[in-house]
Protein backbone atom coordinates (compact mmCIF):
# COMPACT_ATOMS: atom_id res chain seq x y z
CA MET A 1 0.00 0.00 0.00
CA VAL A 2 1.23 3.47 -0.86
CA LEU A 3 0.26 6.78 0.79
CA LEU A 4 1.45 9.93 -0.93
CA ASN A 5 0.96 13.67 -0.41
CA GLN A 6 2.24 15.95 -3.17
CA VAL A 7 2.37 19.74 -3.03
CA GLY A 8 3.35 21.57 -6.19
CA VAL A 9 2.57 24.11 -8.85
CA ARG A 10 0.13 23.65 -11.73
CA PHE A 11 0.97 25.63 -14.89
CA TYR A 12 -1.86 26.59 -17.24
CA ASP A 13 -2.99 29.07 -19.91
CA TYR A 14 -5.89 31.39 -19.18
CA PRO A 15 -7.62 32.95 -22.21
CA THR A 16 -8.81 36.56 -22.23
CA ILE A 17 -11.18 37.57 -25.04
CA ASN A 18 -11.44 41.21 -26.16
CA HIS A 19 -13.79 42.57 -28.81
CA GLY A 20 -14.47 45.96 -30.26
CA ASP A 21 -14.86 47.66 -33.66
CA GLY A 22 -15.69 44.31 -35.27
CA VAL A 23 -12.42 42.72 -34.14
CA ILE A 24 -12.19 39.82 -31.69
CA SER A 25 -8.84 38.97 -30.12
CA VAL A 26 -7.91 36.10 -27.82
CA LEU A 27 -4.91 36.53 -25.53
CA GLN A 28 -3.40 33.53 -23.74
CA GLU A 29 -1.83 34.30 -20.38
CA ASN A 30 0.59 31.82 -18.81
CA LYS A 31 -0.23 31.42 -15.12
CA SER A 32 0.38 29.07 -12.21
CA ILE A 33 -1.40 28.03 -9.02
CA GLY A 34 -0.44 25.98 -5.96
CA PHE A 35 -1.91 22.49 -5.82
CA ASN A 36 -2.08 19.67 -3.27
CA ARG A 37 -2.77 16.00 -4.10
CA PHE A 38 -3.25 13.14 -1.65
CA SER A 39 -3.12 9.59 -3.04
CA VAL A 40 -3.74 6.09 -1.73
CA GLY A 41 -2.69 3.18 -3.88
CA VAL A 42 -1.70 -0.46 -4.15
CA GLU A 43 0.91 -2.20 -6.27
CA TYR A 44 0.75 -5.81 -7.43
CA TYR A 45 4.05 -7.17 -8.71
CA LEU A 46 3.81 -9.45 -11.75
CA ASN A 47 7.53 -10.32 -11.54
CA ASP A 48 10.74 -8.88 -10.04
CA LYS A 49 10.69 -5.72 -12.19
CA MET A 50 7.06 -5.09 -13.21
CA ALA A 51 3.97 -4.06 -11.24
CA VAL A 52 0.36 -3.04 -11.87
CA THR A 53 -0.76 -0.03 -9.82
CA LEU A 54 -4.19 1.19 -8.75
CA GLU A 55 -4.42 4.60 -7.10
CA GLY A 56 -7.24 6.81 -5.86
CA PHE A 57 -6.55 10.50 -5.37
CA PHE A 58 -8.01 13.74 -4.04
CA GLY A 59 -6.58 17.07 -5.21
CA SER A 60 -7.32 20.70 -4.43
CA THR A 61 -5.97 24.15 -5.24
CA LEU A 62 -4.32 26.17 -2.48
CA LYS A 63 -6.17 29.42 -3.24
CA GLN A 64 -9.06 30.80 -5.29
CA LYS A 65 -8.01 31.96 -8.76
CA ASP A 66 -9.26 31.96 -12.39
CA PHE A 67 -10.86 28.57 -13.15
CA TRP A 68 -10.65 27.63 -9.47
CA GLU A 69 -12.69 30.52 -8.03
CA ASP A 70 -14.36 28.19 -5.52
CA LYS A 71 -11.13 26.34 -4.55
CA THR A 72 -12.23 23.46 -6.73
CA SER A 73 -11.21 19.96 -5.74
CA SER A 74 -10.93 16.83 -7.86
CA VAL A 75 -11.08 13.10 -7.25
CA GLY A 76 -9.98 10.31 -9.51
CA LEU A 77 -8.69 6.81 -10.02
CA THR A 78 -5.62 5.77 -11.98
CA LEU A 79 -4.56 2.37 -13.27
CA GLY A 80 -0.96 1.95 -14.41
CA VAL A 81 1.98 -0.30 -15.12
CA THR A 82 5.43 0.41 -13.72
CA THR A 83 8.68 -1.31 -14.63
CA ALA A 84 12.44 -0.92 -14.44
CA LEU A 85 14.20 0.34 -17.56
CA PHE A 86 17.35 -1.71 -17.05
């Protein structure tokens, strides 16, 4: 079983649309926001170097901004395969 807490920065583009005099312009602003993700997962090893993983997670932004005006949170489930390269 794996427990993981990750704090980091999410980078994104935020569009701003301006219009006037029959002209519409879209400006993309590069922005960032703090993010926290807590995960709980399990790994099942198929052999010495390869495992199947199943992980549930809960994530939330650290402040209200742009798309996340209500401090939006997210939940999800991931299924993966991990292996050694060498």
